[in-house]
Amino acid sequence: MKKTYKLTDLCCANCAAEIERGIAKIKGVTLCNVNFVMQKLTFETAEGGDDEAVIKKVKKIIRRVEPDCDMVEIG
């Protein structure tokens, strides 16, 4: 399943890259892209995976790297 989120208060490209690397390592994530300029996160999960567990892990990674950053689903 493909998910797209708007990232609010993402302050730098290095943080965006670190978030992208962290999310890409989550079991079940098949594709991940963080676009700093557009402030957008897109990732795909394997079919039949536990999407809620993946989303929890994604939020945890974002909070660890950028505590003030929030994600809002846009698609």
PDB file of N, CA and C in Angstrom:
ATOM      1  N   MET A   1       0.840  -1.170   0.000  1.00  0.00           N
ATOM      2  CA  MET A   1       0.000   0.000   0.000  1.00  0.00           C
ATOM      3  C   MET A   1       0.890   1.240   0.000  1.00  0.00           C
ATOM      4  N   LYS A   2       0.575   2.178  -0.846  1.00  0.00           N
ATOM      5  CA  LYS A   2       1.345   3.420  -0.950  1.00  0.00           C
ATOM      6  C   LYS A   2       0.703   4.489  -0.075  1.00  0.00           C
ATOM      7  N   LYS A   3       1.529   5.162   0.712  1.00  0.00           N
ATOM      8  CA  LYS A   3       1.070   6.237   1.589  1.00  0.00           C
ATOM      9  C   LYS A   3       1.881   7.491   1.297  1.00  0.00           C
ATOM     10  N   THR A   4       1.210   8.641   1.315  1.00  0.00           N
ATOM     11  CA  THR A   4       1.879   9.924   1.123  1.00  0.00           C
ATOM     12  C   THR A   4       1.470  10.852   2.256  1.00  0.00           C
ATOM     13  N   TYR A   5       2.467  11.525   2.827  1.00  0.00           N
ATOM     14  CA  TYR A   5       2.240  12.423   3.959  1.00  0.00           C
ATOM     15  C   TYR A   5       2.927  13.758   3.723  1.00  0.00           C
ATOM     16  N   LYS A   6       2.319  14.809   4.216  1.00  0.00           N
ATOM     17  CA  LYS A   6       2.925  16.134   4.288  1.00  0.00           C
ATOM     18  C   LYS A   6       3.688  16.183   5.603  1.00  0.00           C
ATOM     19  N   LEU A   7       4.940  16.598   5.558  1.00  0.00           N
ATOM     20  CA  LEU A   7       5.741  16.743   6.768  1.00  0.00           C
ATOM     21  C   LEU A   7       5.793  18.219   7.144  1.00  0.00           C
ATOM     22  N   THR A   8       5.373  18.527   8.341  1.00  0.00           N
ATOM     23  CA  THR A   8       5.397  19.914   8.798  1.00  0.00           C
ATOM     24  C   THR A   8       6.602  20.113   9.713  1.00  0.00           C
ATOM     25  N   ASP A   9       7.232  21.260   9.592  1.00  0.00           N
ATOM     26  CA  ASP A   9       8.384  21.641  10.423  1.00  0.00           C
ATOM     27  C   ASP A   9       9.594  20.736  10.240  1.00  0.00           C
ATOM     28  N   LEU A  10       9.800  20.239   9.030  1.00  0.00           N
ATOM     29  CA  LEU A  10      11.023  19.502   8.705  1.00  0.00           C
ATOM     30  C   LEU A  10      12.076  20.555   8.384  1.00  0.00           C
ATOM     31  N   CYS A  11      13.126  20.643   9.211  1.00  0.00           N
ATOM     32  CA  CYS A  11      14.002  21.817   9.145  1.00  0.00           C
ATOM     33  C   CYS A  11      15.182  21.724   8.186  1.00  0.00           C
ATOM     34  N   CYS A  12      15.649  20.515   7.843  1.00  0.00           N
ATOM     35  CA  CYS A  12      16.831  20.476   6.975  1.00  0.00           C
ATOM     36  C   CYS A  12      16.882  19.211   6.123  1.00  0.00           C
ATOM     37  N   ALA A  13      17.664  19.292   5.063  1.00  0.00           N
ATOM     38  CA  ALA A  13      17.792  18.164   4.134  1.00  0.00           C
ATOM     39  C   ALA A  13      18.497  16.975   4.791  1.00  0.00           C
ATOM     40  N   ASN A  14      19.411  17.239   5.710  1.00  0.00           N
ATOM     41  CA  ASN A  14      20.081  16.141   6.404  1.00  0.00           C
ATOM     42  C   ASN A  14      19.098  15.338   7.247  1.00  0.00           C
ATOM     43  N   CYS A  15      18.188  16.014   7.915  1.00  0.00           N
ATOM     44  CA  CYS A  15      17.167  15.317   8.701  1.00  0.00           C
ATOM     45  C   CYS A  15      16.257  14.510   7.777  1.00  0.00           C
ATOM     46  N   ALA A  16      15.904  15.084   6.633  1.00  0.00           N
ATOM     47  CA  ALA A  16      15.069  14.378   5.668  1.00  0.00           C
ATOM     48  C   ALA A  16      15.758  13.096   5.202  1.00  0.00           C
ATOM     49  N   ALA A  17      17.047  13.173   4.929  1.00  0.00           N
ATOM     50  CA  ALA A  17      17.800  11.998   4.487  1.00  0.00           C
ATOM     51  C   ALA A  17      17.888  10.945   5.591  1.00  0.00           C
ATOM     52  N   GLU A  18      18.080  11.387   6.821  1.00  0.00           N
ATOM     53  CA  GLU A  18      18.157  10.451   7.939  1.00  0.00           C
ATOM     54  C   GLU A  18      16.811   9.754   8.163  1.00  0.00           C
ATOM     55  N   ILE A  19      15.729  10.503   8.043  1.00  0.00           N
ATOM     56  CA  ILE A  19      14.386   9.919   8.160  1.00  0.00           C
ATOM     57  C   ILE A  19      14.173   8.889   7.057  1.00  0.00           C
ATOM     58  N   GLU A  20      14.548   9.239   5.839  1.00  0.00           N
ATOM     59  CA  GLU A  20      14.382   8.329   4.704  1.00  0.00           C
ATOM     60  C   GLU A  20      15.163   7.029   4.922  1.00  0.00           C
ATOM     61  N   ARG A  21      16.394   7.135   5.368  1.00  0.00           N
ATOM     62  CA  ARG A  21      17.205   5.939   5.626  1.00  0.00           C
ATOM     63  C   ARG A  21      16.589   5.073   6.721  1.00  0.00           C
ATOM     64  N   GLY A  22      16.102   5.707   7.764  1.00  0.00           N
ATOM     65  CA  GLY A  22      15.497   4.961   8.867  1.00  0.00           C
ATOM     66  C   GLY A  22      14.237   4.234   8.452  1.00  0.00           C
ATOM     67  N   ILE A  23      13.375   4.906   7.701  1.00  0.00           N
ATOM     68  CA  ILE A  23      12.127   4.287   7.259  1.00  0.00           C
ATOM     69  C   ILE A  23      12.408   3.145   6.286  1.00  0.00           C
ATOM     70  N   ALA A  24      13.395   3.312   5.429  1.00  0.00           N
ATOM     71  CA  ALA A  24      13.741   2.270   4.453  1.00  0.00           C
ATOM     72  C   ALA A  24      14.171   0.973   5.137  1.00  0.00           C
ATOM     73  N   LYS A  25      14.657   1.053   6.368  1.00  0.00           N
ATOM     74  CA  LYS A  25      15.112  -0.131   7.102  1.00  0.00           C
ATOM     75  C   LYS A  25      13.976  -0.873   7.806  1.00  0.00           C
ATOM     76  N   ILE A  26      12.791  -0.287   7.869  1.00  0.00           N
ATOM     77  CA  ILE A  26      11.664  -0.928   8.549  1.00  0.00           C
ATOM     78  C   ILE A  26      11.228  -2.155   7.756  1.00  0.00           C
ATOM     79  N   LYS A  27      11.066  -3.265   8.460  1.00  0.00           N
ATOM     80  CA  LYS A  27      10.603  -4.494   7.811  1.00  0.00           C
ATOM     81  C   LYS A  27       9.200  -4.267   7.253  1.00  0.00           C
ATOM     82  N   GLY A  28       9.024  -4.588   5.987  1.00  0.00           N
ATOM     83  CA  GLY A  28       7.730  -4.412   5.335  1.00  0.00           C
ATOM     84  C   GLY A  28       7.669  -3.194   4.435  1.00  0.00           C
ATOM     85  N   VAL A  29       8.625  -2.264   4.576  1.00  0.00           N
ATOM     86  CA  VAL A  29       8.679  -1.089   3.707  1.00  0.00           C
ATOM     87  C   VAL A  29       9.454  -1.462   2.448  1.00  0.00           C
ATOM     88  N   THR A  30       8.821  -1.285   1.292  1.00  0.00           N
ATOM     89  CA  THR A  30       9.458  -1.665   0.036  1.00  0.00           C
ATOM     90  C   THR A  30      10.028  -0.469  -0.722  1.00  0.00           C
ATOM     91  N   LEU A  31       9.558   0.731  -0.405  1.00  0.00           N
ATOM     92  CA  LEU A  31      10.014   1.949  -1.080  1.00  0.00           C
ATOM     93  C   LEU A  31       9.815   3.123  -0.137  1.00  0.00           C
ATOM     94  N   CYS A  32      10.778   4.039  -0.119  1.00  0.00           N
ATOM     95  CA  CYS A  32      10.653   5.227   0.730  1.00  0.00           C
ATOM     96  C   CYS A  32      11.324   6.407   0.058  1.00  0.00           C
ATOM     97  N   ASN A  33      10.661   7.569   0.125  1.00  0.00           N
ATOM     98  CA  ASN A  33      11.230   8.795  -0.406  1.00  0.00           C
ATOM     99  C   ASN A  33      10.782   9.957   0.471  1.00  0.00           C
ATOM    100  N   VAL A  34      11.746  10.767   0.905  1.00  0.00           N
ATOM    101  CA  VAL A  34      11.447  12.003   1.626  1.00  0.00           C
ATOM    102  C   VAL A  34      11.962  13.145   0.769  1.00  0.00           C
ATOM    103  N   ASN A  35      11.054  14.018   0.346  1.00  0.00           N
ATOM    104  CA  ASN A  35      11.403  15.175  -0.471  1.00  0.00           C
ATOM    105  C   ASN A  35      11.417  16.395   0.439  1.00  0.00           C
ATOM    106  N   PHE A  36      12.622  16.883   0.748  1.00  0.00           N
ATOM    107  CA  PHE A  36      12.737  18.022   1.664  1.00  0.00           C
ATOM    108  C   PHE A  36      12.097  19.276   1.093  1.00  0.00           C
ATOM    109  N   VAL A  37      12.318  19.564  -0.171  1.00  0.00           N
ATOM    110  CA  VAL A  37      11.798  20.786  -0.791  1.00  0.00           C
ATOM    111  C   VAL A  37      10.273  20.812  -0.757  1.00  0.00           C
ATOM    112  N   MET A  38       9.658  19.676  -1.075  1.00  0.00           N
ATOM    113  CA  MET A  38       8.189  19.581  -1.089  1.00  0.00           C
ATOM    114  C   MET A  38       7.620  19.254   0.289  1.00  0.00           C
ATOM    115  N   GLN A  39       8.508  18.943   1.255  1.00  0.00           N
ATOM    116  CA  GLN A  39       8.090  18.567   2.603  1.00  0.00           C
ATOM    117  C   GLN A  39       7.118  17.378   2.538  1.00  0.00           C
ATOM    118  N   LYS A  40       7.525  16.349   1.777  1.00  0.00           N
ATOM    119  CA  LYS A  40       6.632  15.226   1.519  1.00  0.00           C
ATOM    120  C   LYS A  40       7.341  13.900   1.761  1.00  0.00           C
ATOM    121  N   LEU A  41       6.613  12.963   2.391  1.00  0.00           N
ATOM    122  CA  LEU A  41       7.083  11.611   2.642  1.00  0.00           C
ATOM    123  C   LEU A  41       6.185  10.651   1.878  1.00  0.00           C
ATOM    124  N   THR A  42       6.789   9.756   1.110  1.00  0.00           N
ATOM    125  CA  THR A  42       6.047   8.717   0.409  1.00  0.00           C
ATOM    126  C   THR A  42       6.723   7.390   0.702  1.00  0.00           C
ATOM    127  N   PHE A  43       5.914   6.402   1.085  1.00  0.00           N
ATOM    128  CA  PHE A  43       6.466   5.067   1.265  1.00  0.00           C
ATOM    129  C   PHE A  43       5.437   4.019   0.890  1.00  0.00           C
ATOM    130  N   GLU A  44       5.947   2.845   0.527  1.00  0.00           N
ATOM    131  CA  GLU A  44       5.087   1.718   0.176  1.00  0.00           C
ATOM    132  C   GLU A  44       5.384   0.574   1.113  1.00  0.00           C
ATOM    133  N   THR A  45       4.323  -0.177   1.440  1.00  0.00           N
ATOM    134  CA  THR A  45       4.486  -1.365   2.261  1.00  0.00           C
ATOM    135  C   THR A  45       4.079  -2.585   1.454  1.00  0.00           C
ATOM    136  N   ALA A  46       4.607  -3.723   1.855  1.00  0.00           N
ATOM    137  CA  ALA A  46       4.289  -4.977   1.184  1.00  0.00           C
ATOM    138  C   ALA A  46       2.807  -5.309   1.392  1.00  0.00           C
ATOM    139  N   GLU A  47       2.210  -5.926   0.395  1.00  0.00           N
ATOM    140  CA  GLU A  47       0.812  -6.349   0.502  1.00  0.00           C
ATOM    141  C   GLU A  47       0.673  -7.346   1.649  1.00  0.00           C
ATOM    142  N   GLY A  48      -0.393  -7.185   2.403  1.00  0.00           N
ATOM    143  CA  GLY A  48      -0.651  -8.106   3.508  1.00  0.00           C
ATOM    144  C   GLY A  48       0.141  -7.805   4.760  1.00  0.00           C
ATOM    145  N   GLY A  49       0.882  -6.715   4.746  1.00  0.00           N
ATOM    146  CA  GLY A  49       1.672  -6.345   5.916  1.00  0.00           C
ATOM    147  C   GLY A  49       0.833  -5.621   6.953  1.00  0.00           C
ATOM    148  N   ASP A  50       1.411  -5.395   8.105  1.00  0.00           N
ATOM    149  CA  ASP A  50       0.739  -4.691   9.192  1.00  0.00           C
ATOM    150  C   ASP A  50       1.016  -3.197   9.047  1.00  0.00           C
ATOM    151  N   ASP A  51       0.140  -2.505   8.300  1.00  0.00           N
ATOM    152  CA  ASP A  51       0.346  -1.086   8.014  1.00  0.00           C
ATOM    153  C   ASP A  51       0.354  -0.230   9.275  1.00  0.00           C
ATOM    154  N   GLU A  52      -0.482  -0.556  10.245  1.00  0.00           N
ATOM    155  CA  GLU A  52      -0.533   0.237  11.476  1.00  0.00           C
ATOM    156  C   GLU A  52       0.793   0.161  12.237  1.00  0.00           C
ATOM    157  N   ALA A  53       1.396  -1.014  12.280  1.00  0.00           N
ATOM    158  CA  ALA A  53       2.683  -1.172  12.959  1.00  0.00           C
ATOM    159  C   ALA A  53       3.770  -0.385  12.230  1.00  0.00           C
ATOM    160  N   VAL A  54       3.734  -0.412  10.903  1.00  0.00           N
ATOM    161  CA  VAL A  54       4.721   0.337  10.114  1.00  0.00           C
ATOM    162  C   VAL A  54       4.558   1.832  10.370  1.00  0.00           C
ATOM    163  N   ILE A  55       3.334   2.324  10.372  1.00  0.00           N
ATOM    164  CA  ILE A  55       3.087   3.754  10.595  1.00  0.00           C
ATOM    165  C   ILE A  55       3.574   4.176  11.977  1.00  0.00           C
ATOM    166  N   LYS A  56       3.380   3.340  12.991  1.00  0.00           N
ATOM    167  CA  LYS A  56       3.889   3.645  14.331  1.00  0.00           C
ATOM    168  C   LYS A  56       5.414   3.782  14.314  1.00  0.00           C
ATOM    169  N   LYS A  57       6.076   2.869  13.612  1.00  0.00           N
ATOM    170  CA  LYS A  57       7.540   2.908  13.525  1.00  0.00           C
ATOM    171  C   LYS A  57       8.004   4.142  12.751  1.00  0.00           C
ATOM    172  N   VAL A  58       7.278   4.495  11.697  1.00  0.00           N
ATOM    173  CA  VAL A  58       7.612   5.690  10.913  1.00  0.00           C
ATOM    174  C   VAL A  58       7.528   6.928  11.802  1.00  0.00           C
ATOM    175  N   LYS A  59       6.447   7.049  12.553  1.00  0.00           N
ATOM    176  CA  LYS A  59       6.278   8.199  13.451  1.00  0.00           C
ATOM    177  C   LYS A  59       7.389   8.250  14.497  1.00  0.00           C
ATOM    178  N   LYS A  60       7.793   7.087  14.998  1.00  0.00           N
ATOM    179  CA  LYS A  60       8.853   7.035  16.007  1.00  0.00           C
ATOM    180  C   LYS A  60      10.175   7.530  15.426  1.00  0.00           C
ATOM    181  N   ILE A  61      10.475   7.121  14.200  1.00  0.00           N
ATOM    182  CA  ILE A  61      11.711   7.564  13.541  1.00  0.00           C
ATOM    183  C   ILE A  61      11.677   9.075  13.319  1.00  0.00           C
ATOM    184  N   ILE A  62      10.556   9.586  12.842  1.00  0.00           N
ATOM    185  CA  ILE A  62      10.436  11.028  12.596  1.00  0.00           C
ATOM    186  C   ILE A  62      10.629  11.804  13.894  1.00  0.00           C
ATOM    187  N   ARG A  63      10.006  11.368  14.970  1.00  0.00           N
ATOM    188  CA  ARG A  63      10.125  12.062  16.268  1.00  0.00           C
ATOM    189  C   ARG A  63      11.549  12.021  16.806  1.00  0.00           C
ATOM    190  N   ARG A  64      12.248  10.893  16.565  1.00  0.00           N
ATOM    191  CA  ARG A  64      13.630  10.770  17.039  1.00  0.00           C
ATOM    192  C   ARG A  64      14.544  11.739  16.298  1.00  0.00           C
ATOM    193  N   VAL A  65      14.353  11.837  14.992  1.00  0.00           N
ATOM    194  CA  VAL A  65      15.220  12.682  14.169  1.00  0.00           C
ATOM    195  C   VAL A  65      14.826  14.152  14.271  1.00  0.00           C
ATOM    196  N   GLU A  66      13.539  14.425  14.201  1.00  0.00           N
ATOM    197  CA  GLU A  66      13.017  15.804  14.145  1.00  0.00           C
ATOM    198  C   GLU A  66      11.815  15.910  15.085  1.00  0.00           C
ATOM    199  N   PRO A  67      12.044  16.183  16.381  1.00  0.00           N
ATOM    200  CA  PRO A  67      10.968  16.146  17.384  1.00  0.00           C
ATOM    201  C   PRO A  67       9.774  17.057  17.085  1.00  0.00           C
ATOM    202  N   ASP A  68       9.976  18.160  16.370  1.00  0.00           N
ATOM    203  CA  ASP A  68       8.865  19.085  16.097  1.00  0.00           C
ATOM    204  C   ASP A  68       8.122  18.763  14.809  1.00  0.00           C
ATOM    205  N   CYS A  69       8.569  17.753  14.082  1.00  0.00           N
ATOM    206  CA  CYS A  69       7.972  17.421  12.784  1.00  0.00           C
ATOM    207  C   CYS A  69       6.739  16.539  12.970  1.00  0.00           C
ATOM    208  N   ASP A  70       5.681  16.873  12.259  1.00  0.00           N
ATOM    209  CA  ASP A  70       4.459  16.074  12.255  1.00  0.00           C
ATOM    210  C   ASP A  70       4.180  15.604  10.834  1.00  0.00           C
ATOM    211  N   MET A  71       3.442  14.501  10.710  1.00  0.00           N
ATOM    212  CA  MET A  71       3.063  14.009   9.381  1.00  0.00           C
ATOM    213  C   MET A  71       1.556  13.995   9.265  1.00  0.00           C
ATOM    214  N   VAL A  72       1.065  14.488   8.120  1.00  0.00           N
ATOM    215  CA  VAL A  72      -0.362  14.564   7.849  1.00  0.00           C
ATOM    216  C   VAL A  72      -0.612  13.825   6.543  1.00  0.00           C
ATOM    217  N   GLU A  73      -1.487  12.815   6.577  1.00  0.00           N
ATOM    218  CA  GLU A  73      -1.745  12.009   5.380  1.00  0.00           C
ATOM    219  C   GLU A  73      -2.416  12.844   4.302  1.00  0.00           C
ATOM    220  N   ILE A  74      -1.895  12.724   3.069  1.00  0.00           N
ATOM    221  CA  ILE A  74      -2.479  13.455   1.951  1.00  0.00           C
ATOM    222  C   ILE A  74      -2.860  12.533   0.803  1.00  0.00           C
ATOM    223  N   GLY A  75      -2.576  11.257   0.899  1.00  0.00           N
ATOM    224  CA  GLY A  75      -2.951  10.351  -0.185  1.00  0.00           C
ATOM    225  C   GLY A  75      -2.556   8.950   0.042  1.00  0.00           C
TER     226      GLY A  75
END
